N, C-alpha and C. Protein backbone atom coordinates (compact mmCIF):
# COMPACT_ATOMS: atom_id res chain seq x y z
N MET A 1 0.56 30.05 -11.74
CA MET A 1 1.68 29.22 -11.33
C MET A 1 2.03 28.29 -12.48
N ASN A 2 3.32 28.09 -12.71
CA ASN A 2 3.73 27.20 -13.78
C ASN A 2 3.85 25.76 -13.26
N ALA A 3 4.13 24.82 -14.17
CA ALA A 3 4.16 23.40 -13.82
C ALA A 3 5.24 23.10 -12.78
N LYS A 4 6.40 23.74 -12.91
CA LYS A 4 7.50 23.49 -11.96
C LYS A 4 7.10 23.94 -10.55
N GLU A 5 6.47 25.08 -10.45
CA GLU A 5 6.02 25.59 -9.14
C GLU A 5 4.92 24.67 -8.57
N ARG A 6 4.03 24.22 -9.43
CA ARG A 6 2.94 23.34 -8.99
C ARG A 6 3.49 22.03 -8.44
N ARG A 7 4.48 21.47 -9.13
CA ARG A 7 5.08 20.21 -8.67
C ARG A 7 5.81 20.40 -7.35
N ALA A 8 6.46 21.53 -7.20
CA ALA A 8 7.13 21.83 -5.92
C ALA A 8 6.09 21.93 -4.80
N MET A 9 4.95 22.52 -5.09
CA MET A 9 3.87 22.60 -4.10
C MET A 9 3.31 21.22 -3.77
N LEU A 10 3.21 20.36 -4.79
CA LEU A 10 2.74 18.99 -4.56
C LEU A 10 3.67 18.25 -3.60
N VAL A 11 4.96 18.35 -3.86
CA VAL A 11 5.95 17.69 -2.99
C VAL A 11 5.85 18.24 -1.58
N GLU A 12 5.78 19.55 -1.45
CA GLU A 12 5.68 20.18 -0.13
C GLU A 12 4.43 19.70 0.60
N ARG A 13 3.33 19.62 -0.11
CA ARG A 13 2.06 19.20 0.50
C ARG A 13 2.12 17.74 0.96
N LEU A 14 2.70 16.88 0.12
CA LEU A 14 2.80 15.47 0.47
C LEU A 14 3.81 15.23 1.59
N GLN A 15 4.89 16.00 1.62
CA GLN A 15 5.87 15.86 2.70
C GLN A 15 5.28 16.26 4.04
N GLY A 16 4.44 17.24 4.06
CA GLY A 16 3.88 17.72 5.31
C GLY A 16 2.62 17.00 5.74
N ALA A 17 2.09 16.11 4.89
CA ALA A 17 0.80 15.49 5.17
C ALA A 17 0.86 14.44 6.27
N GLY A 18 1.83 13.55 6.21
CA GLY A 18 1.90 12.47 7.16
C GLY A 18 0.90 11.37 6.87
N LEU A 19 -0.19 11.69 6.19
CA LEU A 19 -1.23 10.75 5.81
C LEU A 19 -1.45 10.87 4.31
N PRO A 20 -2.04 9.85 3.69
CA PRO A 20 -2.32 9.95 2.25
C PRO A 20 -3.28 11.09 1.93
N VAL A 21 -3.09 11.70 0.75
CA VAL A 21 -3.94 12.79 0.28
C VAL A 21 -4.49 12.37 -1.08
N THR A 22 -5.79 12.47 -1.25
CA THR A 22 -6.40 12.05 -2.52
C THR A 22 -6.03 12.99 -3.66
N GLY A 23 -6.05 12.44 -4.87
CA GLY A 23 -5.78 13.25 -6.05
C GLY A 23 -6.79 14.38 -6.19
N GLY A 24 -8.04 14.10 -5.85
CA GLY A 24 -9.08 15.12 -5.92
C GLY A 24 -8.81 16.28 -4.98
N ALA A 25 -8.37 15.97 -3.76
CA ALA A 25 -8.06 17.03 -2.79
C ALA A 25 -6.87 17.86 -3.26
N LEU A 26 -5.85 17.19 -3.81
CA LEU A 26 -4.68 17.92 -4.32
C LEU A 26 -5.08 18.82 -5.49
N ALA A 27 -5.91 18.29 -6.38
CA ALA A 27 -6.37 19.07 -7.53
C ALA A 27 -7.13 20.31 -7.08
N GLN A 28 -8.00 20.14 -6.12
CA GLN A 28 -8.79 21.27 -5.61
C GLN A 28 -7.87 22.32 -4.96
N GLU A 29 -6.92 21.87 -4.17
CA GLU A 29 -5.99 22.80 -3.51
C GLU A 29 -5.16 23.59 -4.51
N LEU A 30 -4.79 22.92 -5.61
CA LEU A 30 -3.93 23.57 -6.61
C LEU A 30 -4.71 24.25 -7.73
N GLY A 31 -6.01 24.06 -7.77
CA GLY A 31 -6.83 24.69 -8.79
C GLY A 31 -6.63 24.11 -10.18
N VAL A 32 -6.38 22.80 -10.23
CA VAL A 32 -6.20 22.11 -11.52
C VAL A 32 -7.06 20.86 -11.51
N SER A 33 -7.09 20.15 -12.64
CA SER A 33 -7.85 18.91 -12.71
C SER A 33 -7.09 17.77 -12.04
N ARG A 34 -7.81 16.74 -11.70
CA ARG A 34 -7.18 15.56 -11.10
C ARG A 34 -6.19 14.95 -12.08
N GLN A 35 -6.52 15.00 -13.37
CA GLN A 35 -5.63 14.44 -14.39
C GLN A 35 -4.28 15.18 -14.42
N ILE A 36 -4.29 16.47 -14.20
CA ILE A 36 -3.03 17.24 -14.12
C ILE A 36 -2.21 16.74 -12.95
N VAL A 37 -2.87 16.50 -11.81
CA VAL A 37 -2.17 15.98 -10.63
C VAL A 37 -1.56 14.61 -10.93
N VAL A 38 -2.32 13.74 -11.59
CA VAL A 38 -1.83 12.40 -11.94
C VAL A 38 -0.57 12.53 -12.81
N GLY A 39 -0.60 13.41 -13.78
CA GLY A 39 0.57 13.64 -14.64
C GLY A 39 1.75 14.18 -13.87
N ASP A 40 1.49 15.13 -12.97
CA ASP A 40 2.57 15.70 -12.16
C ASP A 40 3.19 14.64 -11.26
N ILE A 41 2.36 13.78 -10.69
CA ILE A 41 2.87 12.70 -9.83
C ILE A 41 3.77 11.78 -10.65
N ALA A 42 3.36 11.45 -11.87
CA ALA A 42 4.16 10.59 -12.74
C ALA A 42 5.52 11.23 -13.04
N ILE A 43 5.53 12.52 -13.28
CA ILE A 43 6.78 13.23 -13.57
C ILE A 43 7.67 13.26 -12.33
N LEU A 44 7.08 13.47 -11.16
CA LEU A 44 7.85 13.48 -9.92
C LEU A 44 8.44 12.11 -9.62
N ARG A 45 7.68 11.06 -9.91
CA ARG A 45 8.20 9.69 -9.72
C ARG A 45 9.37 9.44 -10.67
N ALA A 46 9.21 9.87 -11.91
CA ALA A 46 10.28 9.69 -12.89
C ALA A 46 11.54 10.43 -12.48
N ALA A 47 11.37 11.50 -11.70
CA ALA A 47 12.51 12.28 -11.21
C ALA A 47 13.14 11.64 -9.97
N GLY A 48 12.56 10.52 -9.50
CA GLY A 48 13.17 9.79 -8.40
C GLY A 48 12.46 9.84 -7.05
N LEU A 49 11.33 10.54 -6.97
CA LEU A 49 10.60 10.58 -5.70
C LEU A 49 9.77 9.31 -5.53
N ASP A 50 9.78 8.76 -4.33
CA ASP A 50 9.01 7.54 -4.04
C ASP A 50 7.61 7.91 -3.57
N ILE A 51 6.81 8.42 -4.47
CA ILE A 51 5.42 8.76 -4.15
C ILE A 51 4.59 7.51 -4.41
N TYR A 52 3.84 7.09 -3.40
CA TYR A 52 3.01 5.91 -3.52
C TYR A 52 1.56 6.31 -3.76
N ALA A 53 0.92 5.58 -4.67
CA ALA A 53 -0.52 5.74 -4.87
C ALA A 53 -1.17 4.59 -4.12
N THR A 54 -1.83 4.90 -3.03
CA THR A 54 -2.47 3.88 -2.20
C THR A 54 -3.99 4.01 -2.35
N PRO A 55 -4.73 3.06 -1.84
CA PRO A 55 -6.19 3.20 -1.90
C PRO A 55 -6.69 4.44 -1.15
N GLN A 56 -5.89 4.94 -0.21
CA GLN A 56 -6.29 6.13 0.56
C GLN A 56 -5.87 7.44 -0.11
N GLY A 57 -4.98 7.37 -1.10
CA GLY A 57 -4.49 8.57 -1.76
C GLY A 57 -2.97 8.49 -1.93
N TYR A 58 -2.38 9.60 -2.31
CA TYR A 58 -0.93 9.66 -2.51
C TYR A 58 -0.22 9.91 -1.19
N ILE A 59 0.95 9.29 -1.06
CA ILE A 59 1.75 9.49 0.14
C ILE A 59 3.23 9.51 -0.24
N LEU A 60 3.96 10.37 0.42
CA LEU A 60 5.41 10.45 0.27
C LEU A 60 5.98 10.07 1.63
N PRO A 61 6.44 8.81 1.78
CA PRO A 61 6.89 8.36 3.09
C PRO A 61 8.04 9.22 3.62
N GLU A 62 8.02 9.40 4.94
CA GLU A 62 9.09 10.14 5.58
C GLU A 62 10.35 9.29 5.57
N PRO A 63 11.52 9.93 5.55
CA PRO A 63 12.76 9.15 5.63
C PRO A 63 12.78 8.33 6.92
N LYS A 64 13.32 7.13 6.82
CA LYS A 64 13.38 6.24 7.97
C LYS A 64 14.32 6.78 9.04
N LYS A 65 13.84 6.79 10.28
CA LYS A 65 14.67 7.21 11.40
C LYS A 65 15.38 6.02 12.01
N GLN A 66 14.78 4.85 11.86
CA GLN A 66 15.41 3.64 12.36
C GLN A 66 15.32 2.58 11.27
N LEU A 67 16.18 1.62 11.36
CA LEU A 67 16.15 0.56 10.37
C LEU A 67 15.13 -0.49 10.79
N ASN A 68 14.10 -0.64 9.99
CA ASN A 68 13.10 -1.67 10.22
C ASN A 68 13.40 -2.84 9.30
N VAL A 69 12.78 -3.95 9.59
CA VAL A 69 12.94 -5.14 8.78
C VAL A 69 11.83 -5.15 7.73
N VAL A 70 12.20 -5.35 6.48
CA VAL A 70 11.22 -5.46 5.39
C VAL A 70 11.34 -6.88 4.84
N ALA A 71 10.19 -7.54 4.71
CA ALA A 71 10.19 -8.92 4.23
C ALA A 71 8.98 -9.17 3.34
N LYS A 72 9.09 -10.22 2.53
CA LYS A 72 7.97 -10.65 1.70
C LYS A 72 7.41 -11.93 2.29
N LEU A 73 6.08 -11.95 2.44
CA LEU A 73 5.40 -13.11 3.00
C LEU A 73 4.56 -13.78 1.92
N PRO A 74 4.87 -15.03 1.56
CA PRO A 74 4.05 -15.74 0.57
C PRO A 74 2.80 -16.31 1.24
N CYS A 75 1.66 -15.97 0.70
CA CYS A 75 0.39 -16.36 1.32
C CYS A 75 -0.57 -16.96 0.29
N LYS A 76 -1.54 -17.69 0.81
CA LYS A 76 -2.61 -18.21 -0.04
C LYS A 76 -3.86 -18.35 0.81
N HIS A 77 -4.96 -17.79 0.29
CA HIS A 77 -6.27 -17.90 0.93
C HIS A 77 -7.31 -17.33 -0.02
N GLY A 78 -8.55 -17.57 0.32
CA GLY A 78 -9.66 -17.02 -0.46
C GLY A 78 -10.04 -15.65 0.06
N MET A 79 -10.96 -15.03 -0.65
CA MET A 79 -11.47 -13.70 -0.27
C MET A 79 -12.01 -13.70 1.16
N ASP A 80 -12.58 -14.83 1.57
CA ASP A 80 -13.19 -14.92 2.89
C ASP A 80 -12.18 -14.82 4.04
N ARG A 81 -10.88 -14.94 3.74
CA ARG A 81 -9.87 -14.90 4.80
C ARG A 81 -8.94 -13.69 4.68
N MET A 82 -9.23 -12.81 3.73
CA MET A 82 -8.35 -11.66 3.51
C MET A 82 -8.25 -10.78 4.75
N GLU A 83 -9.37 -10.43 5.31
CA GLU A 83 -9.35 -9.54 6.47
C GLU A 83 -8.64 -10.20 7.65
N GLN A 84 -8.82 -11.49 7.82
CA GLN A 84 -8.14 -12.21 8.90
C GLN A 84 -6.62 -12.13 8.71
N GLU A 85 -6.16 -12.37 7.49
CA GLU A 85 -4.73 -12.32 7.20
C GLU A 85 -4.15 -10.93 7.50
N LEU A 86 -4.79 -9.89 6.99
CA LEU A 86 -4.29 -8.54 7.18
C LEU A 86 -4.34 -8.13 8.65
N THR A 87 -5.36 -8.57 9.37
CA THR A 87 -5.48 -8.27 10.79
C THR A 87 -4.34 -8.91 11.58
N ILE A 88 -4.00 -10.15 11.25
CA ILE A 88 -2.89 -10.82 11.94
C ILE A 88 -1.61 -10.00 11.79
N ILE A 89 -1.34 -9.53 10.60
CA ILE A 89 -0.11 -8.78 10.36
C ILE A 89 -0.13 -7.47 11.14
N ILE A 90 -1.21 -6.73 11.04
CA ILE A 90 -1.31 -5.42 11.71
C ILE A 90 -1.31 -5.56 13.23
N ASP A 91 -2.11 -6.49 13.75
CA ASP A 91 -2.22 -6.64 15.20
C ASP A 91 -0.92 -7.10 15.85
N ASN A 92 -0.05 -7.69 15.06
CA ASN A 92 1.21 -8.16 15.61
C ASN A 92 2.39 -7.24 15.29
N GLY A 93 2.07 -6.00 14.90
CA GLY A 93 3.12 -4.99 14.75
C GLY A 93 3.65 -4.77 13.36
N GLY A 94 2.99 -5.32 12.36
CA GLY A 94 3.47 -5.15 10.99
C GLY A 94 2.71 -4.07 10.24
N LYS A 95 3.37 -3.52 9.26
CA LYS A 95 2.75 -2.59 8.31
C LYS A 95 2.77 -3.29 6.96
N ILE A 96 1.62 -3.35 6.30
CA ILE A 96 1.51 -4.04 5.02
C ILE A 96 1.74 -3.00 3.92
N LEU A 97 2.87 -3.12 3.25
CA LEU A 97 3.24 -2.13 2.24
C LEU A 97 2.53 -2.38 0.91
N ASP A 98 2.42 -3.65 0.50
CA ASP A 98 1.82 -3.93 -0.80
C ASP A 98 1.36 -5.37 -0.90
N VAL A 99 0.74 -5.69 -2.01
CA VAL A 99 0.40 -7.05 -2.38
C VAL A 99 0.93 -7.26 -3.79
N ILE A 100 1.51 -8.43 -4.04
CA ILE A 100 2.13 -8.74 -5.33
C ILE A 100 1.61 -10.09 -5.80
N VAL A 101 1.26 -10.16 -7.09
CA VAL A 101 0.91 -11.44 -7.71
C VAL A 101 1.73 -11.59 -8.99
N GLU A 102 1.89 -12.84 -9.39
CA GLU A 102 2.61 -13.14 -10.63
C GLU A 102 1.58 -13.52 -11.68
N HIS A 103 1.42 -12.66 -12.68
CA HIS A 103 0.44 -12.87 -13.75
C HIS A 103 1.12 -13.58 -14.92
N ALA A 104 0.42 -14.54 -15.53
CA ALA A 104 1.00 -15.33 -16.62
C ALA A 104 1.43 -14.48 -17.81
N LEU A 105 0.70 -13.42 -18.12
CA LEU A 105 1.02 -12.58 -19.27
C LEU A 105 1.82 -11.34 -18.89
N TYR A 106 1.41 -10.65 -17.83
CA TYR A 106 1.99 -9.36 -17.48
C TYR A 106 3.16 -9.44 -16.51
N GLY A 107 3.41 -10.62 -15.97
CA GLY A 107 4.48 -10.74 -14.98
C GLY A 107 4.01 -10.25 -13.62
N GLU A 108 4.89 -9.58 -12.90
CA GLU A 108 4.58 -9.13 -11.54
C GLU A 108 3.63 -7.93 -11.56
N LEU A 109 2.53 -8.08 -10.83
CA LEU A 109 1.58 -6.98 -10.64
C LEU A 109 1.58 -6.63 -9.16
N LYS A 110 1.66 -5.34 -8.85
CA LYS A 110 1.75 -4.91 -7.45
C LYS A 110 0.72 -3.84 -7.17
N GLY A 111 0.10 -3.96 -6.01
CA GLY A 111 -0.82 -2.93 -5.53
C GLY A 111 -0.32 -2.40 -4.21
N ASN A 112 -0.10 -1.09 -4.12
CA ASN A 112 0.35 -0.49 -2.87
C ASN A 112 -0.82 -0.46 -1.88
N LEU A 113 -0.57 -0.88 -0.66
CA LEU A 113 -1.62 -0.92 0.35
C LEU A 113 -1.37 0.07 1.49
N MET A 114 -0.19 0.06 2.07
CA MET A 114 0.16 0.96 3.18
C MET A 114 -0.86 0.87 4.32
N LEU A 115 -1.08 -0.33 4.80
CA LEU A 115 -2.03 -0.56 5.90
C LEU A 115 -1.24 -0.75 7.19
N ALA A 116 -1.48 0.12 8.17
CA ALA A 116 -0.72 0.05 9.42
C ALA A 116 -1.61 -0.03 10.66
N SER A 117 -2.91 0.10 10.49
CA SER A 117 -3.79 0.12 11.66
C SER A 117 -5.11 -0.55 11.31
N ARG A 118 -5.89 -0.85 12.34
CA ARG A 118 -7.23 -1.42 12.14
C ARG A 118 -8.10 -0.45 11.34
N ARG A 119 -7.92 0.83 11.58
CA ARG A 119 -8.71 1.83 10.83
C ARG A 119 -8.36 1.80 9.34
N ASP A 120 -7.06 1.75 9.03
CA ASP A 120 -6.64 1.61 7.63
C ASP A 120 -7.28 0.38 7.01
N LEU A 121 -7.26 -0.72 7.75
CA LEU A 121 -7.81 -1.97 7.25
C LEU A 121 -9.32 -1.86 7.02
N ALA A 122 -10.04 -1.29 7.98
CA ALA A 122 -11.49 -1.14 7.84
C ALA A 122 -11.83 -0.28 6.62
N ASP A 123 -11.08 0.81 6.43
CA ASP A 123 -11.31 1.68 5.27
C ASP A 123 -11.05 0.93 3.97
N PHE A 124 -9.96 0.16 3.94
CA PHE A 124 -9.61 -0.61 2.75
C PHE A 124 -10.70 -1.64 2.43
N MET A 125 -11.14 -2.38 3.45
CA MET A 125 -12.16 -3.41 3.23
C MET A 125 -13.46 -2.78 2.75
N GLN A 126 -13.80 -1.60 3.28
CA GLN A 126 -15.03 -0.92 2.85
C GLN A 126 -14.91 -0.48 1.39
N ARG A 127 -13.75 0.07 1.02
CA ARG A 127 -13.55 0.49 -0.38
C ARG A 127 -13.60 -0.71 -1.32
N LEU A 128 -13.04 -1.82 -0.87
CA LEU A 128 -13.07 -3.04 -1.68
C LEU A 128 -14.52 -3.47 -1.91
N GLN A 129 -15.30 -3.45 -0.86
CA GLN A 129 -16.71 -3.84 -0.96
C GLN A 129 -17.48 -2.85 -1.84
N ASP A 130 -17.28 -1.56 -1.62
CA ASP A 130 -18.01 -0.54 -2.37
C ASP A 130 -17.66 -0.56 -3.86
N SER A 131 -16.42 -0.88 -4.17
CA SER A 131 -15.97 -0.85 -5.57
C SER A 131 -16.46 -2.04 -6.37
N GLY A 132 -16.72 -3.14 -5.68
CA GLY A 132 -17.09 -4.36 -6.39
C GLY A 132 -15.91 -5.01 -7.08
N ALA A 133 -14.71 -4.48 -6.86
CA ALA A 133 -13.50 -5.01 -7.49
C ALA A 133 -13.07 -6.30 -6.79
N GLU A 134 -12.31 -7.08 -7.51
CA GLU A 134 -11.73 -8.31 -6.95
C GLU A 134 -10.30 -8.01 -6.51
N PRO A 135 -9.85 -8.63 -5.44
CA PRO A 135 -8.45 -8.43 -5.04
C PRO A 135 -7.50 -9.05 -6.07
N LEU A 136 -6.27 -8.57 -6.12
CA LEU A 136 -5.30 -9.10 -7.08
C LEU A 136 -5.14 -10.61 -6.95
N SER A 137 -5.20 -11.11 -5.73
CA SER A 137 -4.98 -12.55 -5.52
C SER A 137 -6.06 -13.40 -6.18
N SER A 138 -7.17 -12.81 -6.59
CA SER A 138 -8.22 -13.59 -7.24
C SER A 138 -7.78 -14.11 -8.61
N ILE A 139 -6.78 -13.48 -9.22
CA ILE A 139 -6.32 -13.93 -10.54
C ILE A 139 -5.27 -15.03 -10.45
N THR A 140 -4.85 -15.34 -9.21
CA THR A 140 -3.82 -16.37 -9.03
C THR A 140 -4.30 -17.48 -8.09
N GLY A 141 -5.60 -17.64 -7.98
CA GLY A 141 -6.13 -18.68 -7.11
C GLY A 141 -5.82 -18.44 -5.64
N GLY A 142 -5.63 -17.18 -5.28
CA GLY A 142 -5.37 -16.83 -3.88
C GLY A 142 -3.91 -16.72 -3.51
N VAL A 143 -3.01 -17.07 -4.41
CA VAL A 143 -1.57 -17.01 -4.12
C VAL A 143 -1.08 -15.58 -4.32
N HIS A 144 -0.35 -15.07 -3.34
CA HIS A 144 0.17 -13.70 -3.43
C HIS A 144 1.29 -13.49 -2.42
N LEU A 145 1.98 -12.39 -2.56
CA LEU A 145 3.02 -11.97 -1.61
C LEU A 145 2.58 -10.66 -0.98
N HIS A 146 2.93 -10.48 0.28
CA HIS A 146 2.79 -9.18 0.92
C HIS A 146 4.18 -8.72 1.31
N THR A 147 4.51 -7.48 0.98
CA THR A 147 5.71 -6.88 1.52
C THR A 147 5.29 -6.22 2.82
N VAL A 148 5.96 -6.59 3.91
CA VAL A 148 5.63 -6.04 5.21
C VAL A 148 6.86 -5.39 5.82
N GLU A 149 6.59 -4.40 6.66
CA GLU A 149 7.66 -3.73 7.41
C GLU A 149 7.36 -3.95 8.89
N VAL A 150 8.38 -4.41 9.62
CA VAL A 150 8.23 -4.70 11.05
C VAL A 150 9.43 -4.12 11.79
N PRO A 151 9.27 -3.86 13.10
CA PRO A 151 10.37 -3.26 13.86
C PRO A 151 11.52 -4.21 14.16
N SER A 152 11.30 -5.54 14.07
CA SER A 152 12.38 -6.47 14.41
C SER A 152 12.14 -7.84 13.78
N GLN A 153 13.18 -8.65 13.79
CA GLN A 153 13.07 -10.03 13.31
C GLN A 153 12.13 -10.83 14.20
N ASP A 154 12.11 -10.54 15.50
CA ASP A 154 11.22 -11.24 16.42
C ASP A 154 9.75 -11.01 16.04
N VAL A 155 9.41 -9.77 15.71
CA VAL A 155 8.04 -9.46 15.30
C VAL A 155 7.71 -10.20 14.02
N LEU A 156 8.63 -10.20 13.07
CA LEU A 156 8.42 -10.91 11.81
C LEU A 156 8.18 -12.40 12.06
N LEU A 157 8.98 -13.00 12.91
CA LEU A 157 8.83 -14.41 13.22
C LEU A 157 7.46 -14.70 13.85
N HIS A 158 7.03 -13.82 14.74
CA HIS A 158 5.72 -13.99 15.38
C HIS A 158 4.59 -13.92 14.34
N ILE A 159 4.67 -12.95 13.43
CA ILE A 159 3.65 -12.83 12.38
C ILE A 159 3.63 -14.08 11.52
N LYS A 160 4.80 -14.57 11.15
CA LYS A 160 4.86 -15.78 10.33
C LYS A 160 4.23 -16.97 11.05
N ARG A 161 4.51 -17.11 12.34
CA ARG A 161 3.93 -18.22 13.12
C ARG A 161 2.41 -18.12 13.15
N GLU A 162 1.89 -16.92 13.36
CA GLU A 162 0.43 -16.74 13.43
C GLU A 162 -0.23 -17.04 12.08
N LEU A 163 0.39 -16.58 11.00
CA LEU A 163 -0.15 -16.86 9.67
C LEU A 163 -0.08 -18.35 9.36
N GLN A 164 0.99 -18.99 9.81
CA GLN A 164 1.15 -20.42 9.58
C GLN A 164 0.10 -21.22 10.37
N LYS A 165 -0.17 -20.80 11.61
CA LYS A 165 -1.20 -21.47 12.43
C LYS A 165 -2.56 -21.45 11.73
N GLN A 166 -2.82 -20.38 11.01
CA GLN A 166 -4.11 -20.23 10.33
C GLN A 166 -4.12 -20.85 8.94
N GLY A 167 -2.99 -21.43 8.53
CA GLY A 167 -2.93 -22.06 7.22
C GLY A 167 -2.88 -21.07 6.07
N ILE A 168 -2.41 -19.85 6.35
CA ILE A 168 -2.36 -18.79 5.34
C ILE A 168 -0.96 -18.67 4.72
N LEU A 169 0.07 -18.83 5.52
CA LEU A 169 1.45 -18.67 5.04
C LEU A 169 1.87 -19.89 4.23
N LEU A 170 2.36 -19.66 3.02
CA LEU A 170 2.89 -20.75 2.21
C LEU A 170 4.29 -21.10 2.70
N LYS A 171 4.58 -22.36 2.66
CA LYS A 171 5.91 -22.80 3.14
C LYS A 171 6.89 -22.84 2.01
């Protein structure tokens, strides 16, 4: 199979997945190295596909059937409150798309999260612990933004109130 056919298969596989697929799994399915998959994903992104690299793997979101509200929430907390913050958003109907910090040298740094359930959150927290890595917010003294997707303005308002009650939402 040539590169064009392989990339078409990658798109087909990601469109039909519904869930993130790891680079290793894609490489094994296609009979190539993970590095080839990484390169193919980069080329597909450059061609305009919104393929996200999340902690769970690659995902190609399905086209939106309804218009949801997308907002950025400015937050500040230490590592000890990260799970609480993410739980508030998820439990109140939000999907956490990413985390963004403003770095003094590099400017905006973003990490795709795609957390929509308690299971997603538990998996993310376990990977964070296993990796020994620090969250992006550790380089900004805990200050960060989350891009969230919610079904309505009412849900967004409720999430903001809950985060504010806990002293997490920046005003």
